[in-house]
Amino acid sequence: MWEYSDKVREHFFNPRNSGPLENANGIGDVGSIQCGDALRLMLKVEPETEIITDAHFQTFGCGSAIASSSALTEIVKGMTLDEALKVSNQNIADYLDGLPPEKMHCSVMGREALQAAIANFRGEVWSDDHEEGALICKCFAVDAVMIEDVVKANKLNTVQEVTFYTKAGGGCAACHEGIEEILAKVMAENAGPGEVSPPAAVIAAPATQPAVSKSSPMKLTLVQKIRKVEEVLDSVPTLLRDNGDVELADIQGKKIYVHLKGACSGCMMEAATLGGIQQKMIEALGELVQVLPSSHMPVEA
């Protein structure tokens, strides 16, 4: 699992300003429970001065999402709306003394929720600038505009970094080529006169070569795959220690569905648990797979 700073742990175990905010006059909703993370940010703004006098949040997601949301509410209180609009996802991560690279998307979600809440206060319709036909990652509903904005704002260079910051590319991997094209486009725009931008394949090379177990260099049969999956699930002893368990439900292509049992069912850390298991699956199987709760299994007609 990932290393978290003491400040991240503090804001997760003792979140500031969580729960509904009475008389909030600026509300921003971003994310999707179906995709794993969702955030509602509520602001109380003094109309005459546009100073944020209070801020609360409600988050569905992992520990980093909760900590990032908590940190954001502390950062913006006392700011004017124009000052708050300058808060970046990196500011949120810095406030927490850093986030694991794999969890930077939590700080990006906080920045978007802030923009949405301010737009709501001002009577504007906030949009994530999604363009029809520009959806790049279908697994997590991430569009080209968001990827390009995050790449530029955070100087990202690889598909893996894009996945860490937006989740795009972390599912079936079908969108990696589209992400590579965006990276190449931004690199070309940033190249000075006479400079040559490296091809997208070079930029994305580290991300398209995930760590592969030396014990599984060849394509596995379905039986071998099931055995590997069960070995990974059996190698997570902390779940049993915490009175929880995860069992294999089904394998459908690159999607591995699991039953969450005991304390794991409905746990606030469900997304983080599945994320950690997913990374172990990728390493053990030597291919990009997605680990999902059995409640997400398609219903047969």
C-alpha atoms as a PDB file:
ATOM      1  CA  MET A   1       0.000   0.000   0.000  1.00  0.00           C
ATOM      2  CA  TRP A   2       0.974   3.654  -0.312  1.00  0.00           C
ATOM      3  CA  GLU A   3       2.882   5.808   2.149  1.00  0.00           C
ATOM      4  CA  TYR A   4       0.828   8.651   3.636  1.00  0.00           C
ATOM      5  CA  SER A   5       2.112  11.705   5.472  1.00  0.00           C
ATOM      6  CA  ASP A   6       1.123  12.281   9.095  1.00  0.00           C
ATOM      7  CA  LYS A   7      -1.013  15.208   7.948  1.00  0.00           C
ATOM      8  CA  VAL A   8      -2.961  13.046   5.484  1.00  0.00           C
ATOM      9  CA  ARG A   9      -3.595  10.527   8.248  1.00  0.00           C
ATOM     10  CA  GLU A  10      -4.676  13.301  10.620  1.00  0.00           C
ATOM     11  CA  HIS A  11      -7.186  14.750   8.142  1.00  0.00           C
ATOM     12  CA  PHE A  12      -8.535  11.288   7.356  1.00  0.00           C
ATOM     13  CA  PHE A  13      -9.038  10.138  10.944  1.00  0.00           C
ATOM     14  CA  ASN A  14     -10.146  13.598  12.135  1.00  0.00           C
ATOM     15  CA  PRO A  15     -11.608  15.374   9.093  1.00  0.00           C
ATOM     16  CA  ARG A  16     -12.376  19.069   9.462  1.00  0.00           C
ATOM     17  CA  ASN A  17     -15.704  20.529   8.399  1.00  0.00           C
ATOM     18  CA  SER A  18     -17.363  17.280   7.278  1.00  0.00           C
ATOM     19  CA  GLY A  19     -21.124  17.033   6.910  1.00  0.00           C
ATOM     20  CA  PRO A  20     -23.860  19.345   5.602  1.00  0.00           C
ATOM     21  CA  LEU A  21     -23.491  23.131   5.915  1.00  0.00           C
ATOM     22  CA  GLU A  22     -26.655  24.964   6.928  1.00  0.00           C
ATOM     23  CA  ASN A  23     -27.493  27.957   4.716  1.00  0.00           C
ATOM     24  CA  ALA A  24     -24.721  27.210   2.232  1.00  0.00           C
ATOM     25  CA  ASN A  25     -25.030  29.524  -0.774  1.00  0.00           C
ATOM     26  CA  GLY A  26     -22.422  27.895  -2.999  1.00  0.00           C
ATOM     27  CA  ILE A  27     -22.507  24.140  -3.680  1.00  0.00           C
ATOM     28  CA  GLY A  28     -20.294  22.150  -6.042  1.00  0.00           C
ATOM     29  CA  ASP A  29     -20.785  18.483  -6.913  1.00  0.00           C
ATOM     30  CA  VAL A  30     -18.118  16.568  -8.835  1.00  0.00           C
ATOM     31  CA  GLY A  31     -17.168  12.954  -9.421  1.00  0.00           C
ATOM     32  CA  SER A  32     -19.334   9.859  -9.538  1.00  0.00           C
ATOM     33  CA  ILE A  33     -19.970   7.111  -7.005  1.00  0.00           C
ATOM     34  CA  GLN A  34     -19.978   4.645  -9.912  1.00  0.00           C
ATOM     35  CA  CYS A  35     -16.379   5.668 -10.717  1.00  0.00           C
ATOM     36  CA  GLY A  36     -15.228   5.449  -7.101  1.00  0.00           C
ATOM     37  CA  ASP A  37     -15.013   9.057  -5.859  1.00  0.00           C
ATOM     38  CA  ALA A  38     -17.594  11.807  -5.422  1.00  0.00           C
ATOM     39  CA  LEU A  39     -17.384  15.152  -3.608  1.00  0.00           C
ATOM     40  CA  ARG A  40     -19.886  17.798  -2.576  1.00  0.00           C
ATOM     41  CA  LEU A  41     -18.295  21.070  -1.437  1.00  0.00           C
ATOM     42  CA  MET A  42     -20.512  23.596   0.363  1.00  0.00           C
ATOM     43  CA  LEU A  43     -19.536  27.222   0.871  1.00  0.00           C
ATOM     44  CA  LYS A  44     -21.038  30.010   2.927  1.00  0.00           C
ATOM     45  CA  VAL A  45     -20.080  33.257   1.196  1.00  0.00           C
ATOM     46  CA  GLU A  46     -20.623  36.837   2.371  1.00  0.00           C
ATOM     47  CA  PRO A  47     -22.454  38.357  -0.629  1.00  0.00           C
ATOM     48  CA  GLU A  48     -21.077  41.890  -0.294  1.00  0.00           C
ATOM     49  CA  THR A  49     -17.401  41.017   0.141  1.00  0.00           C
ATOM     50  CA  GLU A  50     -17.418  37.563  -1.528  1.00  0.00           C
ATOM     51  CA  ILE A  51     -15.394  36.243   1.422  1.00  0.00           C
ATOM     52  CA  ILE A  52     -15.813  32.546   2.243  1.00  0.00           C
ATOM     53  CA  THR A  53     -16.841  32.473   5.895  1.00  0.00           C
ATOM     54  CA  ASP A  54     -17.344  28.709   6.170  1.00  0.00           C
ATOM     55  CA  ALA A  55     -16.852  25.560   4.100  1.00  0.00           C
ATOM     56  CA  HIS A  56     -17.990  21.960   4.562  1.00  0.00           C
ATOM     57  CA  PHE A  57     -17.719  18.790   2.501  1.00  0.00           C
ATOM     58  CA  GLN A  58     -19.278  15.378   1.984  1.00  0.00           C
ATOM     59  CA  THR A  59     -17.070  12.819   0.250  1.00  0.00           C
ATOM     60  CA  PHE A  60     -17.498   9.282  -1.002  1.00  0.00           C
ATOM     61  CA  GLY A  61     -14.067   7.845  -1.667  1.00  0.00           C
ATOM     62  CA  CYS A  62     -10.746   6.746  -0.276  1.00  0.00           C
ATOM     63  CA  GLY A  63      -8.758   8.160   2.625  1.00  0.00           C
ATOM     64  CA  SER A  64      -6.890  10.581   0.334  1.00  0.00           C
ATOM     65  CA  ALA A  65     -10.197  11.923  -1.024  1.00  0.00           C
ATOM     66  CA  ILE A  66     -11.430  12.594   2.511  1.00  0.00           C
ATOM     67  CA  ALA A  67      -8.132  14.202   3.569  1.00  0.00           C
ATOM     68  CA  SER A  68      -7.975  16.353   0.424  1.00  0.00           C
ATOM     69  CA  SER A  69     -11.537  17.551   0.941  1.00  0.00           C
ATOM     70  CA  SER A  70     -10.866  18.343   4.589  1.00  0.00           C
ATOM     71  CA  ALA A  71      -7.707  20.251   3.675  1.00  0.00           C
ATOM     72  CA  LEU A  72      -9.512  22.225   0.977  1.00  0.00           C
ATOM     73  CA  THR A  73     -12.147  23.499   3.399  1.00  0.00           C
ATOM     74  CA  GLU A  74      -9.419  24.724   5.746  1.00  0.00           C
ATOM     75  CA  ILE A  75      -7.488  26.393   2.922  1.00  0.00           C
ATOM     76  CA  VAL A  76     -10.350  28.428   1.466  1.00  0.00           C
ATOM     77  CA  LYS A  77     -11.978  29.718   4.648  1.00  0.00           C
ATOM     78  CA  GLY A  78     -11.283  33.451   4.903  1.00  0.00           C
ATOM     79  CA  MET A  79     -10.394  33.805   1.225  1.00  0.00           C
ATOM     80  CA  THR A  80     -12.287  35.862  -1.318  1.00  0.00           C
ATOM     81  CA  LEU A  81     -13.758  33.906  -4.214  1.00  0.00           C
ATOM     82  CA  ASP A  82     -11.141  35.267  -6.602  1.00  0.00           C
ATOM     83  CA  GLU A  83      -8.380  34.152  -4.234  1.00  0.00           C
ATOM     84  CA  ALA A  84      -9.984  30.729  -3.871  1.00  0.00           C
ATOM     85  CA  LEU A  85     -10.115  30.287  -7.648  1.00  0.00           C
ATOM     86  CA  LYS A  86      -6.320  30.460  -7.661  1.00  0.00           C
ATOM     87  CA  VAL A  87      -6.031  27.432  -5.337  1.00  0.00           C
ATOM     88  CA  SER A  88      -4.511  24.566  -7.342  1.00  0.00           C
ATOM     89  CA  ASN A  89      -4.580  20.847  -6.770  1.00  0.00           C
ATOM     90  CA  GLN A  90      -0.870  21.099  -5.934  1.00  0.00           C
ATOM     91  CA  ASN A  91      -1.697  23.614  -3.167  1.00  0.00           C
ATOM     92  CA  ILE A  92      -4.019  21.006  -1.645  1.00  0.00           C
ATOM     93  CA  ALA A  93      -1.360  18.285  -1.864  1.00  0.00           C
ATOM     94  CA  ASP A  94       1.294  20.606  -0.400  1.00  0.00           C
ATOM     95  CA  TYR A  95      -1.013  21.503   2.512  1.00  0.00           C
ATOM     96  CA  LEU A  96      -1.106  17.783   3.340  1.00  0.00           C
ATOM     97  CA  ASP A  97       2.697  17.480   3.076  1.00  0.00           C
ATOM     98  CA  GLY A  98       2.231  15.554  -0.151  1.00  0.00           C
ATOM     99  CA  LEU A  99       0.034  12.785  -1.516  1.00  0.00           C
ATOM    100  CA  PRO A 100       1.117   9.444  -3.014  1.00  0.00           C
ATOM    101  CA  PRO A 101       1.426   9.926  -6.802  1.00  0.00           C
ATOM    102  CA  GLU A 102      -1.352   7.366  -7.273  1.00  0.00           C
ATOM    103  CA  LYS A 103      -3.711   9.578  -5.249  1.00  0.00           C
ATOM    104  CA  MET A 104      -3.156  12.988  -6.864  1.00  0.00           C
ATOM    105  CA  HIS A 105      -6.526  12.689  -8.607  1.00  0.00           C
ATOM    106  CA  CYS A 106      -8.114  13.350  -5.190  1.00  0.00           C
ATOM    107  CA  SER A 107      -6.607  16.846  -5.092  1.00  0.00           C
ATOM    108  CA  VAL A 108      -7.739  17.466  -8.695  1.00  0.00           C
ATOM    109  CA  MET A 109     -11.294  16.560  -7.689  1.00  0.00           C
ATOM    110  CA  GLY A 110     -11.111  19.105  -4.850  1.00  0.00           C
ATOM    111  CA  ARG A 111     -10.046  21.880  -7.222  1.00  0.00           C
ATOM    112  CA  GLU A 112     -12.940  21.124  -9.569  1.00  0.00           C
ATOM    113  CA  ALA A 113     -15.460  21.043  -6.700  1.00  0.00           C
ATOM    114  CA  LEU A 114     -14.244  24.500  -5.629  1.00  0.00           C
ATOM    115  CA  GLN A 115     -14.710  25.878  -9.145  1.00  0.00           C
ATOM    116  CA  ALA A 116     -18.202  24.354  -9.297  1.00  0.00           C
ATOM    117  CA  ALA A 117     -19.226  25.778  -5.895  1.00  0.00           C
ATOM    118  CA  ILE A 118     -18.052  29.286  -6.794  1.00  0.00           C
ATOM    119  CA  ALA A 119     -19.897  29.135 -10.107  1.00  0.00           C
ATOM    120  CA  ASN A 120     -23.024  28.028  -8.235  1.00  0.00           C
ATOM    121  CA  PHE A 121     -22.781  31.016  -5.871  1.00  0.00           C
ATOM    122  CA  ARG A 122     -22.413  33.395  -8.817  1.00  0.00           C
ATOM    123  CA  GLY A 123     -25.415  31.939 -10.598  1.00  0.00           C
ATOM    124  CA  GLU A 124     -23.276  30.467 -13.354  1.00  0.00           C
ATOM    125  CA  VAL A 125     -23.529  27.035 -14.881  1.00  0.00           C
ATOM    126  CA  TRP A 126     -20.232  25.279 -14.190  1.00  0.00           C
ATOM    127  CA  SER A 127     -19.015  22.919 -16.866  1.00  0.00           C
ATOM    128  CA  ASP A 128     -15.998  20.648 -16.996  1.00  0.00           C
ATOM    129  CA  ASP A 129     -15.696  21.683 -20.662  1.00  0.00           C
ATOM    130  CA  HIS A 130     -16.529  18.189 -21.869  1.00  0.00           C
ATOM    131  CA  GLU A 131     -16.831  18.212 -25.648  1.00  0.00           C
ATOM    132  CA  GLU A 132     -19.119  15.838 -27.515  1.00  0.00           C
ATOM    133  CA  GLY A 133     -17.049  12.960 -28.864  1.00  0.00           C
ATOM    134  CA  ALA A 134     -13.992  13.914 -26.781  1.00  0.00           C
ATOM    135  CA  LEU A 135     -14.445  11.246 -24.104  1.00  0.00           C
ATOM    136  CA  ILE A 136     -11.057   9.555 -23.789  1.00  0.00           C
ATOM    137  CA  CYS A 137     -11.428   7.183 -20.839  1.00  0.00           C
ATOM    138  CA  LYS A 138     -14.810   5.431 -20.800  1.00  0.00           C
ATOM    139  CA  CYS A 139     -14.020   3.479 -17.629  1.00  0.00           C
ATOM    140  CA  PHE A 140     -13.823   6.650 -15.521  1.00  0.00           C
ATOM    141  CA  ALA A 141     -15.595   9.147 -17.848  1.00  0.00           C
ATOM    142  CA  VAL A 142     -12.577  11.437 -18.298  1.00  0.00           C
ATOM    143  CA  ASP A 143     -12.565  13.717 -21.338  1.00  0.00           C
ATOM    144  CA  ALA A 144      -9.746  15.163 -23.432  1.00  0.00           C
ATOM    145  CA  VAL A 145     -10.114  18.685 -22.048  1.00  0.00           C
ATOM    146  CA  MET A 146      -9.643  17.574 -18.451  1.00  0.00           C
ATOM    147  CA  ILE A 147      -6.616  15.457 -19.333  1.00  0.00           C
ATOM    148  CA  GLU A 148      -5.008  18.291 -21.295  1.00  0.00           C
ATOM    149  CA  ASP A 149      -5.657  20.828 -18.517  1.00  0.00           C
ATOM    150  CA  VAL A 150      -4.184  18.546 -15.843  1.00  0.00           C
ATOM    151  CA  VAL A 151      -1.172  17.676 -18.024  1.00  0.00           C
ATOM    152  CA  LYS A 152      -0.418  21.370 -18.545  1.00  0.00           C
ATOM    153  CA  ALA A 153      -1.051  22.420 -14.932  1.00  0.00           C
ATOM    154  CA  ASN A 154       1.103  19.678 -13.429  1.00  0.00           C
ATOM    155  CA  LYS A 155       3.696  19.218 -16.217  1.00  0.00           C
ATOM    156  CA  LEU A 156       2.883  15.541 -16.682  1.00  0.00           C
ATOM    157  CA  ASN A 157       4.886  13.436 -19.147  1.00  0.00           C
ATOM    158  CA  THR A 158       3.618   9.844 -19.033  1.00  0.00           C
ATOM    159  CA  VAL A 159       0.386   7.888 -19.229  1.00  0.00           C
ATOM    160  CA  GLN A 160       1.063   6.626 -15.732  1.00  0.00           C
ATOM    161  CA  GLU A 161       1.207  10.176 -14.359  1.00  0.00           C
ATOM    162  CA  VAL A 162      -2.058  11.011 -16.137  1.00  0.00           C
ATOM    163  CA  THR A 163      -3.651   7.979 -14.490  1.00  0.00           C
ATOM    164  CA  PHE A 164      -2.419   9.077 -11.063  1.00  0.00           C
ATOM    165  CA  TYR A 165      -3.894  12.567 -11.508  1.00  0.00           C
ATOM    166  CA  THR A 166      -7.163  11.767 -13.314  1.00  0.00           C
ATOM    167  CA  LYS A 167      -7.730   7.958 -13.125  1.00  0.00           C
ATOM    168  CA  ALA A 168      -7.870   7.944 -16.945  1.00  0.00           C
ATOM    169  CA  GLY A 169      -6.114   4.834 -18.238  1.00  0.00           C
ATOM    170  CA  GLY A 170      -6.430   2.925 -14.980  1.00  0.00           C
ATOM    171  CA  GLY A 171      -9.138   0.559 -16.202  1.00  0.00           C
ATOM    172  CA  CYS A 172      -9.150  -1.398 -19.448  1.00  0.00           C
ATOM    173  CA  ALA A 173      -6.181   0.545 -20.936  1.00  0.00           C
ATOM    174  CA  ALA A 174      -8.009   1.061 -24.257  1.00  0.00           C
ATOM    175  CA  CYS A 175      -7.541   4.828 -23.894  1.00  0.00           C
ATOM    176  CA  HIS A 176      -3.744   4.791 -23.564  1.00  0.00           C
ATOM    177  CA  GLU A 177      -3.265   5.705 -27.219  1.00  0.00           C
ATOM    178  CA  GLY A 178      -5.582   8.710 -26.840  1.00  0.00           C
ATOM    179  CA  ILE A 179      -3.702   9.845 -23.731  1.00  0.00           C
ATOM    180  CA  GLU A 180      -0.404   9.493 -25.590  1.00  0.00           C
ATOM    181  CA  GLU A 181      -1.737  11.760 -28.365  1.00  0.00           C
ATOM    182  CA  ILE A 182      -2.675  14.438 -25.817  1.00  0.00           C
ATOM    183  CA  LEU A 183       0.756  14.202 -24.180  1.00  0.00           C
ATOM    184  CA  ALA A 184       2.436  14.558 -27.574  1.00  0.00           C
ATOM    185  CA  LYS A 185       0.240  17.553 -28.437  1.00  0.00           C
ATOM    186  CA  VAL A 186       1.074  19.376 -25.203  1.00  0.00           C
ATOM    187  CA  MET A 187       4.762  18.534 -25.557  1.00  0.00           C
ATOM    188  CA  ALA A 188       4.748  19.919 -29.099  1.00  0.00           C
ATOM    189  CA  GLU A 189       3.051  23.144 -27.934  1.00  0.00           C
ATOM    190  CA  ASN A 190       5.651  23.574 -25.201  1.00  0.00           C
ATOM    191  CA  ALA A 191       8.623  22.898 -27.500  1.00  0.00           C
ATOM    192  CA  GLY A 192      10.588  26.050 -28.228  1.00  0.00           C
ATOM    193  CA  PRO A 193      11.794  27.162 -31.688  1.00  0.00           C
ATOM    194  CA  GLY A 194      14.081  24.552 -33.182  1.00  0.00           C
ATOM    195  CA  GLU A 195      13.211  21.993 -30.499  1.00  0.00           C
ATOM    196  CA  VAL A 196      11.773  18.647 -31.473  1.00  0.00           C
ATOM    197  CA  SER A 197       9.155  17.023 -29.306  1.00  0.00           C
ATOM    198  CA  PRO A 198       9.773  13.313 -28.603  1.00  0.00           C
ATOM    199  CA  PRO A 199       7.169  10.973 -30.075  1.00  0.00           C
ATOM    200  CA  ALA A 200       4.242  10.001 -27.878  1.00  0.00           C
ATOM    201  CA  ALA A 201       5.380   6.395 -27.691  1.00  0.00           C
ATOM    202  CA  VAL A 202       8.599   7.529 -26.020  1.00  0.00           C
ATOM    203  CA  ILE A 203       6.774   9.828 -23.621  1.00  0.00           C
ATOM    204  CA  ALA A 204       4.389   7.107 -22.500  1.00  0.00           C
ATOM    205  CA  ALA A 205       6.792   4.178 -22.438  1.00  0.00           C
ATOM    206  CA  PRO A 206       7.074   3.866 -18.619  1.00  0.00           C
ATOM    207  CA  ALA A 207       3.298   3.793 -18.140  1.00  0.00           C
ATOM    208  CA  THR A 208       2.542   1.230 -20.810  1.00  0.00           C
ATOM    209  CA  GLN A 209       5.016  -1.221 -19.288  1.00  0.00           C
ATOM    210  CA  PRO A 210       3.571  -2.040 -15.840  1.00  0.00           C
ATOM    211  CA  ALA A 211       5.557  -4.126 -13.435  1.00  0.00           C
ATOM    212  CA  VAL A 212       5.160  -7.737 -14.524  1.00  0.00           C
ATOM    213  CA  SER A 213       5.766 -10.709 -12.295  1.00  0.00           C
ATOM    214  CA  LYS A 214       8.750 -12.722 -13.488  1.00  0.00           C
ATOM    215  CA  SER A 215       6.751 -15.835 -12.743  1.00  0.00           C
ATOM    216  CA  SER A 216       4.117 -15.010 -15.393  1.00  0.00           C
ATOM    217  CA  PRO A 217       5.886 -13.980 -18.621  1.00  0.00           C
ATOM    218  CA  MET A 218       3.432 -15.897 -20.846  1.00  0.00           C
ATOM    219  CA  LYS A 219      -0.286 -15.421 -21.390  1.00  0.00           C
ATOM    220  CA  LEU A 220      -2.163 -17.290 -18.691  1.00  0.00           C
ATOM    221  CA  THR A 221      -4.988 -19.750 -19.289  1.00  0.00           C
ATOM    222  CA  LEU A 222      -8.268 -18.988 -17.517  1.00  0.00           C
ATOM    223  CA  VAL A 223      -7.535 -21.642 -14.874  1.00  0.00           C
ATOM    224  CA  GLN A 224      -4.050 -20.225 -14.256  1.00  0.00           C
ATOM    225  CA  LYS A 225      -5.504 -16.722 -14.095  1.00  0.00           C
ATOM    226  CA  ILE A 226      -8.076 -17.772 -11.490  1.00  0.00           C
ATOM    227  CA  ARG A 227      -5.338 -19.380  -9.388  1.00  0.00           C
ATOM    228  CA  LYS A 228      -3.197 -16.237  -9.573  1.00  0.00           C
ATOM    229  CA  VAL A 229      -6.145 -14.044  -8.610  1.00  0.00           C
ATOM    230  CA  GLU A 230      -6.969 -16.215  -5.611  1.00  0.00           C
ATOM    231  CA  GLU A 231      -3.310 -16.199  -4.552  1.00  0.00           C
ATOM    232  CA  VAL A 232      -3.356 -12.390  -4.533  1.00  0.00           C
ATOM    233  CA  LEU A 233      -6.587 -12.287  -2.524  1.00  0.00           C
ATOM    234  CA  ASP A 234      -5.120 -14.766  -0.025  1.00  0.00           C
ATOM    235  CA  SER A 235      -2.033 -12.554   0.370  1.00  0.00           C
ATOM    236  CA  VAL A 236      -3.877  -9.657   2.009  1.00  0.00           C
ATOM    237  CA  PRO A 237      -3.863 -10.744   5.692  1.00  0.00           C
ATOM    238  CA  THR A 238      -4.776  -7.302   7.060  1.00  0.00           C
ATOM    239  CA  LEU A 239      -8.326  -7.764   5.798  1.00  0.00           C
ATOM    240  CA  LEU A 240      -8.832 -10.879   7.905  1.00  0.00           C
ATOM    241  CA  ARG A 241      -7.212  -9.209  10.890  1.00  0.00           C
ATOM    242  CA  ASP A 242      -9.733  -6.387  10.576  1.00  0.00           C
ATOM    243  CA  ASN A 243     -12.642  -8.879  10.382  1.00  0.00           C
ATOM    244  CA  GLY A 244     -13.094  -8.373   6.650  1.00  0.00           C
ATOM    245  CA  ASP A 245     -12.502 -10.498   3.583  1.00  0.00           C
ATOM    246  CA  VAL A 246     -12.544 -10.345  -0.209  1.00  0.00           C
ATOM    247  CA  GLU A 247     -13.502 -13.331  -2.366  1.00  0.00           C
ATOM    248  CA  LEU A 248     -13.400 -13.831  -6.115  1.00  0.00           C
ATOM    249  CA  ALA A 249     -16.848 -13.536  -7.711  1.00  0.00           C
ATOM    250  CA  ASP A 250     -16.114 -13.695 -11.441  1.00  0.00           C
ATOM    251  CA  ILE A 251     -13.605 -12.818 -14.155  1.00  0.00           C
ATOM    252  CA  GLN A 252     -14.927 -11.189 -17.302  1.00  0.00           C
ATOM    253  CA  GLY A 253     -12.127 -10.288 -19.662  1.00  0.00           C
ATOM    254  CA  LYS A 254      -9.947  -7.705 -17.936  1.00  0.00           C
ATOM    255  CA  LYS A 255     -12.479  -7.071 -15.179  1.00  0.00           C
ATOM    256  CA  ILE A 256     -12.159  -9.030 -11.937  1.00  0.00           C
ATOM    257  CA  TYR A 257     -15.246  -8.901  -9.720  1.00  0.00           C
ATOM    258  CA  VAL A 258     -14.939  -9.617  -6.001  1.00  0.00           C
ATOM    259  CA  HIS A 259     -17.304 -10.078  -3.068  1.00  0.00           C
ATOM    260  CA  LEU A 260     -16.600  -7.713  -0.156  1.00  0.00           C
ATOM    261  CA  LYS A 261     -17.462  -9.506   3.085  1.00  0.00           C
ATOM    262  CA  GLY A 262     -17.597  -8.687   6.770  1.00  0.00           C
ATOM    263  CA  ALA A 263     -16.029  -5.367   7.744  1.00  0.00           C
ATOM    264  CA  CYS A 264     -14.976  -4.756   4.113  1.00  0.00           C
ATOM    265  CA  SER A 265     -18.607  -4.440   3.002  1.00  0.00           C
ATOM    266  CA  GLY A 266     -19.494  -0.750   2.978  1.00  0.00           C
ATOM    267  CA  CYS A 267     -16.132   0.261   4.486  1.00  0.00           C
ATOM    268  CA  MET A 268     -15.043   3.890   3.947  1.00  0.00           C
ATOM    269  CA  MET A 269     -11.707   2.563   2.686  1.00  0.00           C
ATOM    270  CA  GLU A 270     -13.306   0.260   0.093  1.00  0.00           C
ATOM    271  CA  ALA A 271     -11.890   2.182  -2.886  1.00  0.00           C
ATOM    272  CA  ALA A 272      -8.390   2.225  -1.375  1.00  0.00           C
ATOM    273  CA  THR A 273      -8.578  -1.502  -0.595  1.00  0.00           C
ATOM    274  CA  LEU A 274      -9.645  -2.388  -4.133  1.00  0.00           C
ATOM    275  CA  GLY A 275      -7.010  -0.055  -5.569  1.00  0.00           C
ATOM    276  CA  GLY A 276      -4.252  -1.801  -3.628  1.00  0.00           C
ATOM    277  CA  ILE A 277      -5.531  -5.232  -4.652  1.00  0.00           C
ATOM    278  CA  GLN A 278      -5.773  -4.100  -8.278  1.00  0.00           C
ATOM    279  CA  GLN A 279      -2.115  -3.075  -8.338  1.00  0.00           C
ATOM    280  CA  LYS A 280      -1.113  -6.478  -6.936  1.00  0.00           C
ATOM    281  CA  MET A 281      -3.266  -8.157  -9.606  1.00  0.00           C
ATOM    282  CA  ILE A 282      -1.547  -6.205 -12.386  1.00  0.00           C
ATOM    283  CA  GLU A 283       1.872  -7.243 -11.100  1.00  0.00           C
ATOM    284  CA  ALA A 284       0.911 -10.885 -10.622  1.00  0.00           C
ATOM    285  CA  LEU A 285      -0.948 -11.332 -13.923  1.00  0.00           C
ATOM    286  CA  GLY A 286       1.348  -9.245 -16.086  1.00  0.00           C
ATOM    287  CA  GLU A 287      -1.537  -7.324 -17.665  1.00  0.00           C
ATOM    288  CA  LEU A 288      -3.733  -4.346 -16.923  1.00  0.00           C
ATOM    289  CA  VAL A 289      -6.886  -5.434 -15.140  1.00  0.00           C
ATOM    290  CA  GLN A 290      -9.603  -3.692 -13.158  1.00  0.00           C
ATOM    291  CA  VAL A 291     -10.821  -4.943  -9.769  1.00  0.00           C
ATOM    292  CA  LEU A 292     -14.461  -4.111  -9.065  1.00  0.00           C
ATOM    293  CA  PRO A 293     -17.015  -5.027  -6.366  1.00  0.00           C
ATOM    294  CA  SER A 294     -19.487  -7.723  -7.400  1.00  0.00           C
ATOM    295  CA  SER A 295     -22.290  -5.140  -7.185  1.00  0.00           C
ATOM    296  CA  HIS A 296     -20.894  -3.700 -10.436  1.00  0.00           C
ATOM    297  CA  MET A 297     -21.326  -6.963 -12.344  1.00  0.00           C
ATOM    298  CA  PRO A 298     -23.567  -6.578 -15.409  1.00  0.00           C
ATOM    299  CA  VAL A 299     -27.037  -7.999 -14.920  1.00  0.00           C
ATOM    300  CA  GLU A 300     -27.955 -10.684 -17.438  1.00  0.00           C
ATOM    301  CA  ALA A 301     -31.175 -10.093 -19.311  1.00  0.00           C
END
